[in-house]
Amino acid sequence: LNLVYQDFINYLANNNFKVLLIPQLFGFQNDYDYLNKFNGMSKNIEILSTEFDCDEQKKIISKLYAFVGVRYHSNIFAIMTKVPNISIIYENKMEGFLKDSGLKNLGLNLYDLDTNILIKKFEKLCINRDTIIKLYDKVLPILEKKSLSSFDSLDNII
């Protein structure tokens, strides 16, 4: 798996993409230490400081051309801010979210991950970037309504 990530990061850097690695977990399950293994592969690679909270990370993600992520919340941030993304799925909650949102084609199962598949998926994302953004324009109001109805249901229970 490390080799797949390494090869994909090299592909991006070699194709003049700036790569920002964003740690999401801290403490015992520390993403920063893991991501730091990829630091120095190219001058086009940077690791986001651990000083940024989730709101700041969301804002940073909103400025990206595209996003490829493993962590649930960072993928949600990308979708919320209409940044075309590829979700690397390692748990049911991300897969369920994508399926329920009509975005399942934007996910790749971690256990099926392969460098060539990931590169092709990214190239397809780049070609269809505007279409994906328009899809988010349609999906986001529906997701917002679902979210609000969940709060209404919770109010009825409490």
C-alpha atoms as a PDB file:
ATOM      1  CA  LEU A   1       0.000   0.000   0.000  1.00  0.00           C
ATOM      2  CA  ASN A   2       2.828   2.401   0.801  1.00  0.00           C
ATOM      3  CA  LEU A   3       4.210   1.733  -2.680  1.00  0.00           C
ATOM      4  CA  VAL A   4       0.840   2.579  -4.289  1.00  0.00           C
ATOM      5  CA  TYR A   5       0.732   5.884  -2.420  1.00  0.00           C
ATOM      6  CA  GLN A   6       4.382   6.585  -3.209  1.00  0.00           C
ATOM      7  CA  ASP A   7       3.918   5.862  -6.913  1.00  0.00           C
ATOM      8  CA  PHE A   8       0.754   7.992  -7.071  1.00  0.00           C
ATOM      9  CA  ILE A   9       2.413  10.907  -5.291  1.00  0.00           C
ATOM     10  CA  ASN A  10       5.355  10.635  -7.700  1.00  0.00           C
ATOM     11  CA  TYR A  11       2.925  10.599 -10.637  1.00  0.00           C
ATOM     12  CA  LEU A  12       1.292  13.798  -9.373  1.00  0.00           C
ATOM     13  CA  ALA A  13       4.582  15.545  -8.661  1.00  0.00           C
ATOM     14  CA  ASN A  14       6.022  14.498 -12.034  1.00  0.00           C
ATOM     15  CA  ASN A  15       2.941  15.958 -13.728  1.00  0.00           C
ATOM     16  CA  ASN A  16       3.410  19.335 -12.044  1.00  0.00           C
ATOM     17  CA  PHE A  17       0.723  18.925  -9.398  1.00  0.00           C
ATOM     18  CA  LYS A  18       1.544  20.340  -5.998  1.00  0.00           C
ATOM     19  CA  VAL A  19       0.795  17.636  -3.428  1.00  0.00           C
ATOM     20  CA  LEU A  20      -0.464  18.635  -0.004  1.00  0.00           C
ATOM     21  CA  LEU A  21      -0.579  15.780   2.488  1.00  0.00           C
ATOM     22  CA  ILE A  22      -3.141  16.496   5.194  1.00  0.00           C
ATOM     23  CA  PRO A  23      -2.932  14.660   8.519  1.00  0.00           C
ATOM     24  CA  GLN A  24      -6.313  14.024  10.138  1.00  0.00           C
ATOM     25  CA  LEU A  25      -5.446  11.914  13.166  1.00  0.00           C
ATOM     26  CA  PHE A  26      -3.163  12.878  15.998  1.00  0.00           C
ATOM     27  CA  GLY A  27      -1.945  11.222  19.168  1.00  0.00           C
ATOM     28  CA  PHE A  28      -1.701   7.425  19.143  1.00  0.00           C
ATOM     29  CA  GLN A  29      -2.973   7.033  15.547  1.00  0.00           C
ATOM     30  CA  ASN A  30      -0.775   9.767  14.161  1.00  0.00           C
ATOM     31  CA  ASP A  31      -1.218  10.501  10.447  1.00  0.00           C
ATOM     32  CA  TYR A  32       1.539  13.103  10.471  1.00  0.00           C
ATOM     33  CA  ASP A  33       4.256  10.562  11.230  1.00  0.00           C
ATOM     34  CA  TYR A  34       2.954   8.264   8.484  1.00  0.00           C
ATOM     35  CA  LEU A  35       2.686  11.074   5.912  1.00  0.00           C
ATOM     36  CA  ASN A  36       6.156  12.330   6.802  1.00  0.00           C
ATOM     37  CA  LYS A  37       7.534   9.164   5.164  1.00  0.00           C
ATOM     38  CA  PHE A  38       6.558  10.697   1.805  1.00  0.00           C
ATOM     39  CA  ASN A  39       8.153  14.050   2.541  1.00  0.00           C
ATOM     40  CA  GLY A  40      11.210  14.857   0.477  1.00  0.00           C
ATOM     41  CA  MET A  41      10.177  12.729  -2.522  1.00  0.00           C
ATOM     42  CA  SER A  42       9.784  15.944  -4.527  1.00  0.00           C
ATOM     43  CA  LYS A  43       9.849  19.694  -4.070  1.00  0.00           C
ATOM     44  CA  ASN A  44       6.140  19.604  -5.027  1.00  0.00           C
ATOM     45  CA  ILE A  45       5.186  17.776  -1.823  1.00  0.00           C
ATOM     46  CA  GLU A  46       4.248  19.467   1.432  1.00  0.00           C
ATOM     47  CA  ILE A  47       2.724  18.178   4.669  1.00  0.00           C
ATOM     48  CA  LEU A  48       0.152  20.388   6.310  1.00  0.00           C
ATOM     49  CA  SER A  49       1.090  21.455   9.799  1.00  0.00           C
ATOM     50  CA  THR A  50      -0.734  19.758  12.655  1.00  0.00           C
ATOM     51  CA  GLU A  51      -1.565  23.217  14.022  1.00  0.00           C
ATOM     52  CA  PHE A  52      -4.641  23.570  11.783  1.00  0.00           C
ATOM     53  CA  ASP A  53      -8.011  22.636  13.274  1.00  0.00           C
ATOM     54  CA  CYS A  54     -10.838  21.047  11.258  1.00  0.00           C
ATOM     55  CA  ASP A  55     -12.363  24.390  10.208  1.00  0.00           C
ATOM     56  CA  GLU A  56      -8.992  25.590   8.920  1.00  0.00           C
ATOM     57  CA  GLN A  57      -8.410  22.261   7.161  1.00  0.00           C
ATOM     58  CA  LYS A  58     -11.810  22.567   5.479  1.00  0.00           C
ATOM     59  CA  LYS A  59     -10.891  26.039   4.224  1.00  0.00           C
ATOM     60  CA  ILE A  60      -7.535  24.793   2.922  1.00  0.00           C
ATOM     61  CA  ILE A  61      -9.195  21.832   1.183  1.00  0.00           C
ATOM     62  CA  SER A  62     -11.670  24.254  -0.438  1.00  0.00           C
ATOM     63  CA  LYS A  63      -8.751  25.884  -2.295  1.00  0.00           C
ATOM     64  CA  LEU A  64      -7.484  22.655  -3.854  1.00  0.00           C
ATOM     65  CA  TYR A  65      -7.881  21.622  -7.491  1.00  0.00           C
ATOM     66  CA  ALA A  66      -8.757  18.068  -6.471  1.00  0.00           C
ATOM     67  CA  PHE A  67      -8.593  15.874  -3.408  1.00  0.00           C
ATOM     68  CA  VAL A  68      -7.684  12.226  -2.905  1.00  0.00           C
ATOM     69  CA  GLY A  69      -8.278  11.129   0.646  1.00  0.00           C
ATOM     70  CA  VAL A  70      -8.589   8.214   2.971  1.00  0.00           C
ATOM     71  CA  ARG A  71     -10.053   9.847   6.060  1.00  0.00           C
ATOM     72  CA  TYR A  72     -13.825  10.286   6.235  1.00  0.00           C
ATOM     73  CA  HIS A  73     -13.973  13.900   7.377  1.00  0.00           C
ATOM     74  CA  SER A  74     -11.446  15.204   4.877  1.00  0.00           C
ATOM     75  CA  ASN A  75     -13.465  13.633   2.053  1.00  0.00           C
ATOM     76  CA  ILE A  76     -16.636  15.200   3.458  1.00  0.00           C
ATOM     77  CA  PHE A  77     -14.839  18.574   3.576  1.00  0.00           C
ATOM     78  CA  ALA A  78     -13.923  18.183  -0.107  1.00  0.00           C
ATOM     79  CA  ILE A  79     -17.502  17.373  -1.096  1.00  0.00           C
ATOM     80  CA  MET A  80     -18.936  20.187   1.050  1.00  0.00           C
ATOM     81  CA  THR A  81     -16.618  22.698  -0.614  1.00  0.00           C
ATOM     82  CA  LYS A  82     -17.174  21.263  -4.114  1.00  0.00           C
ATOM     83  CA  VAL A  83     -13.629  20.041  -4.607  1.00  0.00           C
ATOM     84  CA  PRO A  84     -13.677  16.998  -6.903  1.00  0.00           C
ATOM     85  CA  ASN A  85     -12.414  14.074  -4.909  1.00  0.00           C
ATOM     86  CA  ILE A  86     -11.563  10.406  -4.875  1.00  0.00           C
ATOM     87  CA  SER A  87     -12.397   8.699  -1.607  1.00  0.00           C
ATOM     88  CA  ILE A  88     -10.194   5.756  -0.706  1.00  0.00           C
ATOM     89  CA  ILE A  89     -12.720   3.592   1.150  1.00  0.00           C
ATOM     90  CA  TYR A  90     -11.500   1.569   4.122  1.00  0.00           C
ATOM     91  CA  GLU A  91     -14.654   1.539   6.218  1.00  0.00           C
ATOM     92  CA  ASN A  92     -18.387   1.133   5.719  1.00  0.00           C
ATOM     93  CA  LYS A  93     -19.316   4.666   6.730  1.00  0.00           C
ATOM     94  CA  MET A  94     -17.539   6.276   3.756  1.00  0.00           C
ATOM     95  CA  GLU A  95     -18.890   3.671   1.361  1.00  0.00           C
ATOM     96  CA  GLY A  96     -22.407   4.167   2.749  1.00  0.00           C
ATOM     97  CA  PHE A  97     -22.158   7.937   2.511  1.00  0.00           C
ATOM     98  CA  LEU A  98     -21.020   7.815  -1.122  1.00  0.00           C
ATOM     99  CA  LYS A  99     -23.722   5.312  -2.027  1.00  0.00           C
ATOM    100  CA  ASP A 100     -26.505   7.251  -0.263  1.00  0.00           C
ATOM    101  CA  SER A 101     -25.299  10.480  -1.894  1.00  0.00           C
ATOM    102  CA  GLY A 102     -25.154   9.102  -5.419  1.00  0.00           C
ATOM    103  CA  LEU A 103     -21.380   9.585  -5.464  1.00  0.00           C
ATOM    104  CA  LYS A 104     -20.295   5.943  -5.308  1.00  0.00           C
ATOM    105  CA  ASN A 105     -18.310   6.258  -8.548  1.00  0.00           C
ATOM    106  CA  LEU A 106     -15.959   8.668  -6.741  1.00  0.00           C
ATOM    107  CA  GLY A 107     -14.767   5.957  -4.360  1.00  0.00           C
ATOM    108  CA  LEU A 108     -12.100   3.287  -4.571  1.00  0.00           C
ATOM    109  CA  ASN A 109     -11.903   0.386  -2.150  1.00  0.00           C
ATOM    110  CA  LEU A 110      -8.628   0.422  -0.226  1.00  0.00           C
ATOM    111  CA  TYR A 111      -8.265  -3.345  -0.559  1.00  0.00           C
ATOM    112  CA  ASP A 112      -8.528  -3.157  -4.362  1.00  0.00           C
ATOM    113  CA  LEU A 113      -6.176  -0.199  -4.627  1.00  0.00           C
ATOM    114  CA  ASP A 114      -3.608  -0.329  -7.383  1.00  0.00           C
ATOM    115  CA  THR A 115      -1.406   2.461  -8.748  1.00  0.00           C
ATOM    116  CA  ASN A 116      -2.725   2.217 -12.315  1.00  0.00           C
ATOM    117  CA  ILE A 117      -6.355   2.190 -11.188  1.00  0.00           C
ATOM    118  CA  LEU A 118      -5.777   5.216  -8.966  1.00  0.00           C
ATOM    119  CA  ILE A 119      -3.995   7.140 -11.727  1.00  0.00           C
ATOM    120  CA  LYS A 120      -6.751   6.362 -14.236  1.00  0.00           C
ATOM    121  CA  LYS A 121      -9.398   7.405 -11.703  1.00  0.00           C
ATOM    122  CA  PHE A 122      -7.539  10.674 -11.106  1.00  0.00           C
ATOM    123  CA  GLU A 123      -7.160  11.347 -14.839  1.00  0.00           C
ATOM    124  CA  LYS A 124     -10.891  10.725 -15.254  1.00  0.00           C
ATOM    125  CA  LEU A 125     -11.566  13.123 -12.371  1.00  0.00           C
ATOM    126  CA  CYS A 126      -9.475  15.807 -14.100  1.00  0.00           C
ATOM    127  CA  ILE A 127     -11.303  15.341 -17.407  1.00  0.00           C
ATOM    128  CA  ASN A 128     -14.725  15.409 -15.698  1.00  0.00           C
ATOM    129  CA  ARG A 129     -13.899  18.023 -13.049  1.00  0.00           C
ATOM    130  CA  ASP A 130     -16.629  20.491 -14.091  1.00  0.00           C
ATOM    131  CA  THR A 131     -19.228  17.719 -14.299  1.00  0.00           C
ATOM    132  CA  ILE A 132     -18.332  16.544 -10.792  1.00  0.00           C
ATOM    133  CA  ILE A 133     -18.686  20.081  -9.433  1.00  0.00           C
ATOM    134  CA  LYS A 134     -22.137  20.315 -11.062  1.00  0.00           C
ATOM    135  CA  LEU A 135     -23.023  16.971  -9.475  1.00  0.00           C
ATOM    136  CA  TYR A 136     -22.045  18.378  -6.079  1.00  0.00           C
ATOM    137  CA  ASP A 137     -24.298  21.376  -6.798  1.00  0.00           C
ATOM    138  CA  LYS A 138     -27.208  18.932  -7.131  1.00  0.00           C
ATOM    139  CA  VAL A 139     -26.256  16.629  -4.260  1.00  0.00           C
ATOM    140  CA  LEU A 140     -25.361  19.159  -1.556  1.00  0.00           C
ATOM    141  CA  PRO A 141     -28.887  20.615  -1.060  1.00  0.00           C
ATOM    142  CA  ILE A 142     -30.241  17.061  -0.716  1.00  0.00           C
ATOM    143  CA  LEU A 143     -27.567  16.209   1.843  1.00  0.00           C
ATOM    144  CA  GLU A 144     -28.335  19.398   3.747  1.00  0.00           C
ATOM    145  CA  LYS A 145     -32.051  18.485   3.880  1.00  0.00           C
ATOM    146  CA  LYS A 146     -31.178  14.982   5.127  1.00  0.00           C
ATOM    147  CA  SER A 147     -28.953  16.495   7.783  1.00  0.00           C
ATOM    148  CA  LEU A 148     -31.673  18.878   8.954  1.00  0.00           C
ATOM    149  CA  SER A 149     -34.261  16.089   9.034  1.00  0.00           C
ATOM    150  CA  SER A 150     -31.906  14.083  11.253  1.00  0.00           C
ATOM    151  CA  PHE A 151     -31.857  16.985  13.706  1.00  0.00           C
ATOM    152  CA  ASP A 152     -35.661  17.196  13.577  1.00  0.00           C
ATOM    153  CA  SER A 153     -35.888  13.467  14.329  1.00  0.00           C
ATOM    154  CA  LEU A 154     -33.501  13.898  17.225  1.00  0.00           C
ATOM    155  CA  ASP A 155     -35.598  16.756  18.590  1.00  0.00           C
ATOM    156  CA  ASN A 156     -38.651  14.481  18.538  1.00  0.00           C
ATOM    157  CA  ILE A 157     -36.805  11.805  20.487  1.00  0.00           C
ATOM    158  CA  ILE A 158     -35.491  14.199  23.109  1.00  0.00           C
END
